[in-house]
C-alpha atoms as a PDB file:
ATOM      1  CA  MET A   1      11.665  32.822  18.138  1.00  0.00           C
ATOM      2  CA  SER A   2      10.405  35.379  14.989  1.00  0.00           C
ATOM      3  CA  GLU A   3       9.438  38.312  15.357  1.00  0.00           C
ATOM      4  CA  ASN A   4       5.173  37.782  14.146  1.00  0.00           C
ATOM      5  CA  PRO A   5       4.665  34.402  15.716  1.00  0.00           C
ATOM      6  CA  VAL A   6       1.122  32.799  14.456  1.00  0.00           C
ATOM      7  CA  THR A   7      -1.635  30.945  15.435  1.00  0.00           C
ATOM      8  CA  VAL A   8      -2.509  27.456  14.210  1.00  0.00           C
ATOM      9  CA  ARG A   9      -5.748  29.241  12.961  1.00  0.00           C
ATOM     10  CA  GLU A  10      -3.880  32.208  10.897  1.00  0.00           C
ATOM     11  CA  ALA A  11      -1.264  29.901   9.315  1.00  0.00           C
ATOM     12  CA  ARG A  12      -4.531  27.258   8.086  1.00  0.00           C
ATOM     13  CA  ALA A  13      -5.894  30.693   6.864  1.00  0.00           C
ATOM     14  CA  HIS A  14      -2.890  32.366   5.265  1.00  0.00           C
ATOM     15  CA  LEU A  15      -0.811  29.501   4.349  1.00  0.00           C
ATOM     16  CA  ALA A  16      -0.375  31.130   0.815  1.00  0.00           C
ATOM     17  CA  ASP A  17       1.497  33.651   2.372  1.00  0.00           C
ATOM     18  CA  HIS A  18       2.773  31.826   4.430  1.00  0.00           C
ATOM     19  CA  ILE A  19       4.976  29.992   2.463  1.00  0.00           C
ATOM     20  CA  ASN A  20       5.706  33.007  -0.068  1.00  0.00           C
ATOM     21  CA  ARG A  21       7.701  34.822   3.050  1.00  0.00           C
ATOM     22  CA  ALA A  22       8.883  31.018   3.521  1.00  0.00           C
ATOM     23  CA  GLU A  23      10.065  31.209  -0.205  1.00  0.00           C
ATOM     24  CA  GLN A  24      11.904  34.692   0.129  1.00  0.00           C
ATOM     25  CA  GLY A  25      14.020  33.578   2.990  1.00  0.00           C
ATOM     26  CA  THR A  26      11.552  34.153   5.734  1.00  0.00           C
ATOM     27  CA  PRO A  27      10.471  31.208   8.850  1.00  0.00           C
ATOM     28  CA  THR A  28       7.570  31.401  10.311  1.00  0.00           C
ATOM     29  CA  VAL A  29       7.008  30.214  13.808  1.00  0.00           C
ATOM     30  CA  ILE A  30       3.029  28.223  14.356  1.00  0.00           C
ATOM     31  CA  THR A  31       2.108  28.494  18.154  1.00  0.00           C
ATOM     32  CA  ARG A  32      -0.755  26.716  20.046  1.00  0.00           C
ATOM     33  CA  ASN A  33      -2.513  28.003  22.868  1.00  0.00           C
ATOM     34  CA  GLY A  34       0.853  30.308  22.803  1.00  0.00           C
ATOM     35  CA  ALA A  35       3.663  27.720  22.891  1.00  0.00           C
ATOM     36  CA  PRO A  36       5.049  27.350  19.440  1.00  0.00           C
ATOM     37  CA  VAL A  37       4.917  24.543  17.814  1.00  0.00           C
ATOM     38  CA  ALA A  38       6.399  24.109  14.992  1.00  0.00           C
ATOM     39  CA  ALA A  39       8.452  26.461  11.570  1.00  0.00           C
ATOM     40  CA  LEU A  40       7.501  26.989   8.293  1.00  0.00           C
ATOM     41  CA  VAL A  41      11.237  27.650   7.211  1.00  0.00           C
ATOM     42  CA  PRO A  42      12.332  28.479   3.568  1.00  0.00           C
ATOM     43  CA  ILE A  43      13.645  25.255   2.308  1.00  0.00           C
ATOM     44  CA  ALA A  44      17.562  25.887   1.876  1.00  0.00           C
ATOM     45  CA  ASP A  45      17.404  26.574   6.317  1.00  0.00           C
ATOM     46  CA  PHE A  46      16.317  22.729   6.049  1.00  0.00           C
ATOM     47  CA  ASP A  47      18.341  21.575   4.017  1.00  0.00           C
ATOM     48  CA  ALA A  48      21.281  22.735   5.949  1.00  0.00           C
ATOM     49  CA  LEU A  49      19.602  21.594   9.401  1.00  0.00           C
ATOM     50  CA  GLU A  50      19.483  18.120   8.117  1.00  0.00           C
ATOM     51  CA  GLU A  51      23.043  17.832   7.256  1.00  0.00           C
ATOM     52  CA  ALA A  52      24.337  19.596  11.069  1.00  0.00           C
ATOM     53  CA  ALA A  53      22.213  17.057  12.552  1.00  0.00           C
ATOM     54  CA  ASP A  54      23.942  14.021  10.141  1.00  0.00           C
ATOM     55  CA  GLU A  55      27.008  15.495  10.439  1.00  0.00           C
ATOM     56  CA  LEU A  56      25.954  15.835  14.460  1.00  0.00           C
ATOM     57  CA  LEU A  57      25.278  11.522  14.088  1.00  0.00           C
ATOM     58  CA  ALA A  58      28.211  10.855  12.286  1.00  0.00           C
ATOM     59  CA  ARG A  59      30.517  12.900  14.891  1.00  0.00           C
ATOM     60  CA  GLU A  60      29.322  10.419  17.932  1.00  0.00           C
ATOM     61  CA  ALA A  61      29.301   7.228  15.805  1.00  0.00           C
ATOM     62  CA  GLU A  62      32.844   7.740  14.877  1.00  0.00           C
ATOM     63  CA  GLU A  63      33.424   8.426  19.590  1.00  0.00           C
ATOM     64  CA  VAL A  64      32.227   5.877  19.757  1.00  0.00           C
ATOM     65  CA  LEU A  65      33.610   3.559  17.366  1.00  0.00           C
ATOM     66  CA  ALA A  66      37.142   5.266  18.006  1.00  0.00           C
ATOM     67  CA  ASP A  67      36.152   4.645  22.227  1.00  0.00           C
ATOM     68  CA  GLY A  68      35.874   1.316  21.125  1.00  0.00           C
ATOM     69  CA  GLY A  69      32.191   0.986  22.114  1.00  0.00           C
ATOM     70  CA  PRO A  70      29.291  -1.526  20.424  1.00  0.00           C
ATOM     71  CA  THR A  71      28.468  -2.432  16.618  1.00  0.00           C
ATOM     72  CA  VAL A  72      26.143  -3.827  15.181  1.00  0.00           C
ATOM     73  CA  THR A  73      25.209  -5.618  11.461  1.00  0.00           C
ATOM     74  CA  MET A  74      23.644  -4.250   9.105  1.00  0.00           C
ATOM     75  CA  ALA A  75      21.734  -7.131   8.988  1.00  0.00           C
ATOM     76  CA  GLU A  76      20.891  -6.751  13.145  1.00  0.00           C
ATOM     77  CA  LEU A  77      20.033  -3.143  12.464  1.00  0.00           C
ATOM     78  CA  LEU A  78      17.470  -4.080   9.519  1.00  0.00           C
ATOM     79  CA  ALA A  79      16.030  -6.824  12.218  1.00  0.00           C
ATOM     80  CA  ASP A  80      15.765  -4.672  15.137  1.00  0.00           C
ATOM     81  CA  LEU A  81      13.957  -2.040  13.196  1.00  0.00           C
ATOM     82  CA  PHE A  82      11.707  -4.299  11.378  1.00  0.00           C
ATOM     83  CA  THR A  83      11.008  -6.206  14.930  1.00  0.00           C
ATOM     84  CA  ASP A  84      10.254  -2.127  15.756  1.00  0.00           C
ATOM     85  CA  ARG A  85       8.326  -1.692  12.820  1.00  0.00           C
ATOM     86  CA  SER A  86       5.507  -5.316  13.212  1.00  0.00           C
ATOM     87  CA  GLU A  87       5.599  -4.831  17.438  1.00  0.00           C
ATOM     88  CA  ARG A  88       4.118  -1.298  16.467  1.00  0.00           C
ATOM     89  CA  THR A  89       2.037  -2.649  13.793  1.00  0.00           C
ATOM     90  CA  GLU A  90       0.713  -4.776  15.970  1.00  0.00           C
ATOM     91  CA  GLY A  91       0.318  -2.550  19.148  1.00  0.00           C
ATOM     92  CA  ALA A  92      -2.126  -0.798  17.346  1.00  0.00           C
ATOM     93  CA  ALA A  93      -4.276  -3.476  16.242  1.00  0.00           C
END
């Protein structure tokens, strides 16, 4: 965790300062009830994290394919996504 975590209240009160720190390369960990719940990080760090996650998912997919694992068509994937979304929407109504 960062050297100086801040509470949600502190983060709200001084958001611009924490954004400036992120721009300068210093992340801010935000806590609630003493537990870390979020982080305000430099965009380059966030982009690197997303790229690493994408790479990990691609490697896992390649392993599944190499092992003869199941595949789905794009149409099946989209149908599943839209079915899940409509079920969540209906459940919330």
